[in-house]
PDB file of N, CA and C in Angstrom:
ATOM      1  N   UNK A   1      19.553 -11.126   7.837  1.00  0.00           N
ATOM      2  CA  UNK A   1      20.726 -11.283   7.736  1.00  0.00           C
ATOM      3  C   UNK A   1      21.217 -10.023   6.542  1.00  0.00           C
ATOM      4  N   UNK A   2      20.732  -9.889   5.738  1.00  0.00           N
ATOM      5  CA  UNK A   2      20.621  -8.947   5.072  1.00  0.00           C
ATOM      6  C   UNK A   2      20.137  -7.135   5.045  1.00  0.00           C
ATOM      7  N   UNK A   3      19.229  -7.597   6.049  1.00  0.00           N
ATOM      8  CA  UNK A   3      19.035  -5.782   6.921  1.00  0.00           C
ATOM      9  C   UNK A   3      20.026  -5.595   7.539  1.00  0.00           C
ATOM     10  N   UNK A   4      20.961  -6.647   8.351  1.00  0.00           N
ATOM     11  CA  UNK A   4      21.529  -6.199   9.016  1.00  0.00           C
ATOM     12  C   UNK A   4      23.132  -5.804   7.936  1.00  0.00           C
ATOM     13  N   UNK A   5      23.100  -6.172   7.044  1.00  0.00           N
ATOM     14  CA  UNK A   5      24.437  -5.753   6.090  1.00  0.00           C
ATOM     15  C   UNK A   5      23.892  -4.972   5.419  1.00  0.00           C
ATOM     16  N   UNK A   6      23.335  -4.266   5.040  1.00  0.00           N
ATOM     17  CA  UNK A   6      22.688  -2.952   4.709  1.00  0.00           C
ATOM     18  C   UNK A   6      22.859  -1.937   5.657  1.00  0.00           C
ATOM     19  N   UNK A   7      22.520  -2.174   6.770  1.00  0.00           N
ATOM     20  CA  UNK A   7      22.397  -0.929   8.127  1.00  0.00           C
ATOM     21  C   UNK A   7      23.944  -0.920   8.395  1.00  0.00           C
ATOM     22  N   UNK A   8      24.958  -1.887   8.103  1.00  0.00           N
ATOM     23  CA  UNK A   8      26.249  -1.951   8.606  1.00  0.00           C
ATOM     24  C   UNK A   8      26.872  -1.181   7.125  1.00  0.00           C
ATOM     25  N   UNK A   9      26.394  -1.033   5.832  1.00  0.00           N
ATOM     26  CA  UNK A   9      27.396  -1.096   5.164  1.00  0.00           C
ATOM     27  C   UNK A   9      27.601   0.748   5.478  1.00  0.00           C
ATOM     28  N   UNK A  10      28.787   1.034   4.774  1.00  0.00           N
ATOM     29  CA  UNK A  10      29.285   2.297   4.454  1.00  0.00           C
ATOM     30  C   UNK A  10      28.580   3.049   3.493  1.00  0.00           C
ATOM     31  N   UNK A  11      28.137   2.811   2.464  1.00  0.00           N
ATOM     32  CA  UNK A  11      27.622   3.668   1.517  1.00  0.00           C
ATOM     33  C   UNK A  11      26.717   2.475   0.584  1.00  0.00           C
ATOM     34  N   UNK A  12      25.903   2.755   0.491  1.00  0.00           N
ATOM     35  CA  UNK A  12      24.418   2.543  -0.412  1.00  0.00           C
ATOM     36  C   UNK A  12      23.888   3.807  -0.975  1.00  0.00           C
ATOM     37  N   UNK A  13      22.899   2.853  -2.272  1.00  0.00           N
ATOM     38  CA  UNK A  13      22.094   3.589  -3.046  1.00  0.00           C
ATOM     39  C   UNK A  13      20.754   2.965  -2.841  1.00  0.00           C
ATOM     40  N   UNK A  14      19.801   3.930  -2.868  1.00  0.00           N
ATOM     41  CA  UNK A  14      18.287   3.430  -2.356  1.00  0.00           C
ATOM     42  C   UNK A  14      17.570   3.959  -3.351  1.00  0.00           C
ATOM     43  N   UNK A  15      16.962   2.761  -4.241  1.00  0.00           N
ATOM     44  CA  UNK A  15      15.848   3.567  -4.948  1.00  0.00           C
ATOM     45  C   UNK A  15      16.427   2.546  -6.579  1.00  0.00           C
ATOM     46  N   UNK A  16      15.445   2.102  -6.900  1.00  0.00           N
ATOM     47  CA  UNK A  16      15.662   1.407  -8.656  1.00  0.00           C
ATOM     48  C   UNK A  16      16.438   1.967  -9.357  1.00  0.00           C
ATOM     49  N   UNK A  17      15.820   3.357 -10.180  1.00  0.00           N
ATOM     50  CA  UNK A  17      16.537   4.127 -10.787  1.00  0.00           C
ATOM     51  C   UNK A  17      18.009   4.524 -10.799  1.00  0.00           C
ATOM     52  N   UNK A  18      18.369   5.085  -9.282  1.00  0.00           N
ATOM     53  CA  UNK A  18      19.641   5.091  -8.988  1.00  0.00           C
ATOM     54  C   UNK A  18      20.619   3.496  -8.764  1.00  0.00           C
ATOM     55  N   UNK A  19      20.171   2.341  -8.646  1.00  0.00           N
ATOM     56  CA  UNK A  19      20.482   1.143  -8.463  1.00  0.00           C
ATOM     57  C   UNK A  19      20.717   0.706  -9.457  1.00  0.00           C
ATOM     58  N   UNK A  20      20.075   0.542 -10.727  1.00  0.00           N
ATOM     59  CA  UNK A  20      19.965   0.500 -12.216  1.00  0.00           C
ATOM     60  C   UNK A  20      21.519   0.966 -12.647  1.00  0.00           C
ATOM     61  N   UNK A  21      21.580   2.562 -12.603  1.00  0.00           N
ATOM     62  CA  UNK A  21      22.353   3.444 -13.104  1.00  0.00           C
ATOM     63  C   UNK A  21      23.621   2.822 -12.534  1.00  0.00           C
ATOM     64  N   UNK A  22      24.083   2.671 -10.930  1.00  0.00           N
ATOM     65  CA  UNK A  22      25.411   2.065 -10.232  1.00  0.00           C
ATOM     66  C   UNK A  22      25.517   1.153 -10.732  1.00  0.00           C
ATOM     67  N   UNK A  23      24.384  -0.293 -11.289  1.00  0.00           N
ATOM     68  CA  UNK A  23      25.180  -1.499 -11.499  1.00  0.00           C
ATOM     69  C   UNK A  23      25.429  -0.767 -13.436  1.00  0.00           C
ATOM     70  N   UNK A  24      24.936  -0.458 -13.825  1.00  0.00           N
ATOM     71  CA  UNK A  24      25.588  -0.257 -15.294  1.00  0.00           C
ATOM     72  C   UNK A  24      27.067   0.444 -15.059  1.00  0.00           C
ATOM     73  N   UNK A  25      27.418   1.113 -14.261  1.00  0.00           N
ATOM     74  CA  UNK A  25      28.760   1.509 -14.055  1.00  0.00           C
ATOM     75  C   UNK A  25      29.744   0.988 -13.367  1.00  0.00           C
ATOM     76  N   UNK A  26      29.169  -0.484 -13.067  1.00  0.00           N
ATOM     77  CA  UNK A  26      30.176  -1.117 -12.245  1.00  0.00           C
ATOM     78  C   UNK A  26      30.558  -0.794 -10.719  1.00  0.00           C
ATOM     79  N   UNK A  27      29.785  -0.284 -10.111  1.00  0.00           N
ATOM     80  CA  UNK A  27      29.801   0.295  -8.941  1.00  0.00           C
ATOM     81  C   UNK A  27      29.513  -0.664  -7.764  1.00  0.00           C
ATOM     82  N   UNK A  28      28.525  -1.527  -7.775  1.00  0.00           N
ATOM     83  CA  UNK A  28      27.779  -2.093  -7.356  1.00  0.00           C
ATOM     84  C   UNK A  28      28.526  -3.747  -6.718  1.00  0.00           C
ATOM     85  N   UNK A  29      28.457  -3.760  -5.293  1.00  0.00           N
ATOM     86  CA  UNK A  29      29.257  -4.928  -4.604  1.00  0.00           C
ATOM     87  C   UNK A  29      28.167  -6.031  -4.421  1.00  0.00           C
ATOM     88  N   UNK A  30      27.210  -5.745  -3.936  1.00  0.00           N
ATOM     89  CA  UNK A  30      25.683  -6.600  -3.514  1.00  0.00           C
ATOM     90  C   UNK A  30      24.637  -5.548  -3.974  1.00  0.00           C
ATOM     91  N   UNK A  31      23.159  -6.741  -4.327  1.00  0.00           N
ATOM     92  CA  UNK A  31      22.655  -5.943  -4.391  1.00  0.00           C
ATOM     93  C   UNK A  31      21.283  -6.645  -3.054  1.00  0.00           C
ATOM     94  N   UNK A  32      20.237  -5.451  -2.994  1.00  0.00           N
ATOM     95  CA  UNK A  32      19.244  -6.422  -1.785  1.00  0.00           C
ATOM     96  C   UNK A  32      17.868  -5.662  -2.613  1.00  0.00           C
ATOM     97  N   UNK A  33      16.926  -6.763  -2.408  1.00  0.00           N
ATOM     98  CA  UNK A  33      15.567  -6.521  -3.057  1.00  0.00           C
ATOM     99  C   UNK A  33      14.607  -6.832  -2.516  1.00  0.00           C
ATOM    100  N   UNK A  34      13.442  -6.134  -2.047  1.00  0.00           N
ATOM    101  CA  UNK A  34      12.505  -6.474  -1.420  1.00  0.00           C
ATOM    102  C   UNK A  34      11.578  -7.283  -1.989  1.00  0.00           C
ATOM    103  N   UNK A  35      10.913  -8.559  -2.001  1.00  0.00           N
ATOM    104  CA  UNK A  35      10.690  -9.349  -2.465  1.00  0.00           C
ATOM    105  C   UNK A  35       8.907  -8.918  -2.807  1.00  0.00           C
ATOM    106  N   UNK A  36       8.320  -7.835  -1.838  1.00  0.00           N
ATOM    107  CA  UNK A  36       7.019  -7.276  -1.740  1.00  0.00           C
ATOM    108  C   UNK A  36       7.038  -6.034  -2.407  1.00  0.00           C
ATOM    109  N   UNK A  37       8.247  -5.635  -3.491  1.00  0.00           N
ATOM    110  CA  UNK A  37       8.082  -4.778  -4.116  1.00  0.00           C
ATOM    111  C   UNK A  37       7.346  -5.309  -5.664  1.00  0.00           C
ATOM    112  N   UNK A  38       7.005  -4.403  -6.563  1.00  0.00           N
ATOM    113  CA  UNK A  38       6.446  -4.321  -7.403  1.00  0.00           C
ATOM    114  C   UNK A  38       7.396  -5.199  -8.529  1.00  0.00           C
ATOM    115  N   UNK A  39       6.855  -6.401  -9.213  1.00  0.00           N
ATOM    116  CA  UNK A  39       7.277  -7.265  -9.798  1.00  0.00           C
ATOM    117  C   UNK A  39       7.807  -6.409 -11.635  1.00  0.00           C
ATOM    118  N   UNK A  40       7.442  -5.673 -11.769  1.00  0.00           N
ATOM    119  CA  UNK A  40       7.452  -5.181 -13.122  1.00  0.00           C
ATOM    120  C   UNK A  40       9.399  -3.831 -12.977  1.00  0.00           C
ATOM    121  N   UNK A  41       8.571  -3.561 -11.542  1.00  0.00           N
ATOM    122  CA  UNK A  41       9.904  -2.262 -11.132  1.00  0.00           C
ATOM    123  C   UNK A  41      11.468  -3.202 -10.957  1.00  0.00           C
ATOM    124  N   UNK A  42      11.090  -4.356  -9.989  1.00  0.00           N
ATOM    125  CA  UNK A  42      12.253  -4.966  -9.893  1.00  0.00           C
ATOM    126  C   UNK A  42      13.082  -5.701 -10.914  1.00  0.00           C
ATOM    127  N   UNK A  43      11.960  -6.057 -11.925  1.00  0.00           N
ATOM    128  CA  UNK A  43      12.500  -7.108 -13.192  1.00  0.00           C
ATOM    129  C   UNK A  43      13.630  -6.126 -13.787  1.00  0.00           C
ATOM    130  N   UNK A  44      13.395  -5.024 -14.168  1.00  0.00           N
ATOM    131  CA  UNK A  44      14.703  -3.862 -14.539  1.00  0.00           C
ATOM    132  C   UNK A  44      16.061  -4.301 -13.713  1.00  0.00           C
ATOM    133  N   UNK A  45      15.793  -4.321 -12.277  1.00  0.00           N
ATOM    134  CA  UNK A  45      17.021  -3.688 -11.142  1.00  0.00           C
ATOM    135  C   UNK A  45      17.781  -5.424 -11.736  1.00  0.00           C
ATOM    136  N   UNK A  46      17.127  -6.781 -11.408  1.00  0.00           N
ATOM    137  CA  UNK A  46      17.699  -7.587 -11.711  1.00  0.00           C
ATOM    138  C   UNK A  46      17.855  -8.248 -12.506  1.00  0.00           C
ATOM    139  N   UNK A  47      17.502  -7.789 -14.145  1.00  0.00           N
ATOM    140  CA  UNK A  47      18.119  -7.905 -15.191  1.00  0.00           C
ATOM    141  C   UNK A  47      20.026  -7.343 -15.245  1.00  0.00           C
ATOM    142  N   UNK A  48      19.802  -5.606 -14.758  1.00  0.00           N
ATOM    143  CA  UNK A  48      20.630  -5.098 -14.666  1.00  0.00           C
ATOM    144  C   UNK A  48      21.432  -5.573 -13.986  1.00  0.00           C
ATOM    145  N   UNK A  49      21.321  -6.096 -13.069  1.00  0.00           N
ATOM    146  CA  UNK A  49      22.394  -6.844 -11.787  1.00  0.00           C
ATOM    147  C   UNK A  49      23.095  -8.553 -12.747  1.00  0.00           C
ATOM    148  N   UNK A  50      22.153  -8.758 -13.340  1.00  0.00           N
ATOM    149  CA  UNK A  50      22.209 -10.249 -13.816  1.00  0.00           C
ATOM    150  C   UNK A  50      23.517  -9.765 -15.129  1.00  0.00           C
ATOM    151  N   UNK A  51      23.158  -9.011 -15.664  1.00  0.00           N
ATOM    152  CA  UNK A  51      24.383  -8.643 -16.619  1.00  0.00           C
ATOM    153  C   UNK A  51      25.615  -7.786 -16.204  1.00  0.00           C
ATOM    154  N   UNK A  52      25.719  -7.233 -15.144  1.00  0.00           N
ATOM    155  CA  UNK A  52      26.560  -7.196 -13.964  1.00  0.00           C
ATOM    156  C   UNK A  52      27.412  -7.769 -13.342  1.00  0.00           C
ATOM    157  N   UNK A  53      26.488  -9.460 -13.391  1.00  0.00           N
ATOM    158  CA  UNK A  53      27.479 -10.607 -12.296  1.00  0.00           C
ATOM    159  C   UNK A  53      27.627  -9.760 -11.226  1.00  0.00           C
ATOM    160  N   UNK A  54      26.325  -9.144 -10.423  1.00  0.00           N
ATOM    161  CA  UNK A  54      26.198  -8.891  -9.007  1.00  0.00           C
ATOM    162  C   UNK A  54      25.563  -9.897  -8.364  1.00  0.00           C
ATOM    163  N   UNK A  55      25.779 -10.292  -7.241  1.00  0.00           N
ATOM    164  CA  UNK A  55      24.965 -10.996  -6.448  1.00  0.00           C
ATOM    165  C   UNK A  55      24.145 -10.209  -5.636  1.00  0.00           C
ATOM    166  N   UNK A  56      22.344 -11.710  -5.922  1.00  0.00           N
ATOM    167  CA  UNK A  56      21.041 -10.709  -5.342  1.00  0.00           C
ATOM    168  C   UNK A  56      20.818 -11.315  -4.189  1.00  0.00           C
ATOM    169  N   UNK A  57      20.448 -10.848  -3.205  1.00  0.00           N
ATOM    170  CA  UNK A  57      20.052 -11.111  -2.092  1.00  0.00           C
ATOM    171  C   UNK A  57      18.337 -10.676  -2.036  1.00  0.00           C
ATOM    172  N   UNK A  58      17.827 -11.144  -0.976  1.00  0.00           N
ATOM    173  CA  UNK A  58      16.304 -11.375  -1.045  1.00  0.00           C
ATOM    174  C   UNK A  58      16.049 -10.846   0.320  1.00  0.00           C
ATOM    175  N   UNK A  59      14.935  -9.972   0.385  1.00  0.00           N
ATOM    176  CA  UNK A  59      14.504  -9.937   1.959  1.00  0.00           C
ATOM    177  C   UNK A  59      12.755  -9.945   1.485  1.00  0.00           C
ATOM    178  N   UNK A  60      12.165  -9.851   3.096  1.00  0.00           N
ATOM    179  CA  UNK A  60      10.528 -10.298   2.808  1.00  0.00           C
ATOM    180  C   UNK A  60       9.877  -8.648   2.795  1.00  0.00           C
ATOM    181  N   UNK A  61      10.750  -7.410   3.114  1.00  0.00           N
ATOM    182  CA  UNK A  61      10.056  -6.432   3.499  1.00  0.00           C
ATOM    183  C   UNK A  61      10.455  -5.220   2.396  1.00  0.00           C
ATOM    184  N   UNK A  62       9.966  -4.576   1.836  1.00  0.00           N
ATOM    185  CA  UNK A  62      10.239  -2.830   1.675  1.00  0.00           C
ATOM    186  C   UNK A  62      10.299  -1.855   2.920  1.00  0.00           C
ATOM    187  N   UNK A  63       9.325  -2.216   4.013  1.00  0.00           N
ATOM    188  CA  UNK A  63       9.419  -1.467   4.976  1.00  0.00           C
ATOM    189  C   UNK A  63      10.557  -1.660   5.834  1.00  0.00           C
ATOM    190  N   UNK A  64      11.150  -2.664   5.933  1.00  0.00           N
ATOM    191  CA  UNK A  64      12.167  -3.148   7.106  1.00  0.00           C
ATOM    192  C   UNK A  64      13.520  -2.917   6.140  1.00  0.00           C
ATOM    193  N   UNK A  65      13.389  -3.048   4.921  1.00  0.00           N
ATOM    194  CA  UNK A  65      14.459  -2.496   4.090  1.00  0.00           C
ATOM    195  C   UNK A  65      14.668  -1.146   4.103  1.00  0.00           C
ATOM    196  N   UNK A  66      13.846  -0.430   4.168  1.00  0.00           N
ATOM    197  CA  UNK A  66      13.727   1.131   4.372  1.00  0.00           C
ATOM    198  C   UNK A  66      14.421   1.124   5.624  1.00  0.00           C
ATOM    199  N   UNK A  67      13.564   0.743   6.573  1.00  0.00           N
ATOM    200  CA  UNK A  67      14.419   1.487   8.031  1.00  0.00           C
ATOM    201  C   UNK A  67      15.955   0.958   8.097  1.00  0.00           C
ATOM    202  N   UNK A  68      16.085  -0.066   7.662  1.00  0.00           N
ATOM    203  CA  UNK A  68      17.504  -0.695   7.722  1.00  0.00           C
ATOM    204  C   UNK A  68      18.522   0.390   6.907  1.00  0.00           C
ATOM    205  N   UNK A  69      18.191   1.264   5.799  1.00  0.00           N
ATOM    206  CA  UNK A  69      18.599   2.155   5.414  1.00  0.00           C
ATOM    207  C   UNK A  69      18.182   3.315   5.911  1.00  0.00           C
ATOM    208  N   UNK A  70      17.657   3.684   6.912  1.00  0.00           N
ATOM    209  CA  UNK A  70      17.758   4.934   7.592  1.00  0.00           C
ATOM    210  C   UNK A  70      16.657   6.033   7.037  1.00  0.00           C
ATOM    211  N   UNK A  71      15.338   5.176   6.310  1.00  0.00           N
ATOM    212  CA  UNK A  71      14.859   6.334   5.355  1.00  0.00           C
ATOM    213  C   UNK A  71      13.202   5.837   6.240  1.00  0.00           C
ATOM    214  N   UNK A  72      12.396   6.712   6.067  1.00  0.00           N
ATOM    215  CA  UNK A  72      11.233   6.467   6.619  1.00  0.00           C
ATOM    216  C   UNK A  72       9.676   6.403   5.598  1.00  0.00           C
ATOM    217  N   UNK A  73      10.503   5.346   4.579  1.00  0.00           N
ATOM    218  CA  UNK A  73       9.484   5.064   3.477  1.00  0.00           C
ATOM    219  C   UNK A  73      10.090   3.349   2.910  1.00  0.00           C
ATOM    220  N   UNK A  74       9.468   2.936   2.418  1.00  0.00           N
ATOM    221  CA  UNK A  74       9.844   1.473   1.778  1.00  0.00           C
ATOM    222  C   UNK A  74      10.830   1.563   1.294  1.00  0.00           C
ATOM    223  N   UNK A  75      11.752   0.855   0.668  1.00  0.00           N
ATOM    224  CA  UNK A  75      12.854   0.718  -0.304  1.00  0.00           C
ATOM    225  C   UNK A  75      12.554  -0.778  -0.877  1.00  0.00           C
ATOM    226  N   UNK A  76      12.462  -0.833  -2.557  1.00  0.00           N
ATOM    227  CA  UNK A  76      12.432  -1.963  -3.315  1.00  0.00           C
ATOM    228  C   UNK A  76      13.739  -2.370  -3.672  1.00  0.00           C
ATOM    229  N   UNK A  77      14.478  -1.427  -3.773  1.00  0.00           N
ATOM    230  CA  UNK A  77      16.276  -2.223  -3.996  1.00  0.00           C
ATOM    231  C   UNK A  77      17.615  -0.931  -3.432  1.00  0.00           C
ATOM    232  N   UNK A  78      18.184  -1.836  -2.873  1.00  0.00           N
ATOM    233  CA  UNK A  78      19.260  -1.285  -2.077  1.00  0.00           C
ATOM    234  C   UNK A  78      20.823  -1.840  -2.863  1.00  0.00           C
ATOM    235  N   UNK A  79      21.542  -0.885  -3.284  1.00  0.00           N
ATOM    236  CA  UNK A  79      22.613  -1.030  -3.647  1.00  0.00           C
ATOM    237  C   UNK A  79      23.816  -1.016  -2.639  1.00  0.00           C
ATOM    238  N   UNK A  80      24.964  -2.065  -2.217  1.00  0.00           N
ATOM    239  CA  UNK A  80      25.594  -1.504  -1.681  1.00  0.00           C
ATOM    240  C   UNK A  80      26.797  -1.723  -2.663  1.00  0.00           C
ATOM    241  N   UNK A  81      27.949  -0.262  -2.327  1.00  0.00           N
ATOM    242  CA  UNK A  81      28.392   0.035  -3.139  1.00  0.00           C
ATOM    243  C   UNK A  81      30.183  -0.865  -2.803  1.00  0.00           C
ATOM    244  N   UNK A  82      30.936  -0.791  -3.860  1.00  0.00           N
ATOM    245  CA  UNK A  82      32.253  -1.396  -3.399  1.00  0.00           C
ATOM    246  C   UNK A  82      33.011   0.017  -2.696  1.00  0.00           C
TER     247      UNK A  82
END
């Protein structure tokens, strides 16, 4: 479900640093996190999402999430922009 949501989104931000910045700026509508990503990295994104009161969806694979973003590497976090 969330892979399709990411693939169909008009505007996304890929990567943890950029996602945290967008969350702090209030630009994020929804957040998608890969469960197989490094916990230390994901915790920062989840904390920012919690503060911004943004819904978080989890998917099982960084590789599949990256593919849904049309990139050749895995993605730990993807923000769907408003």
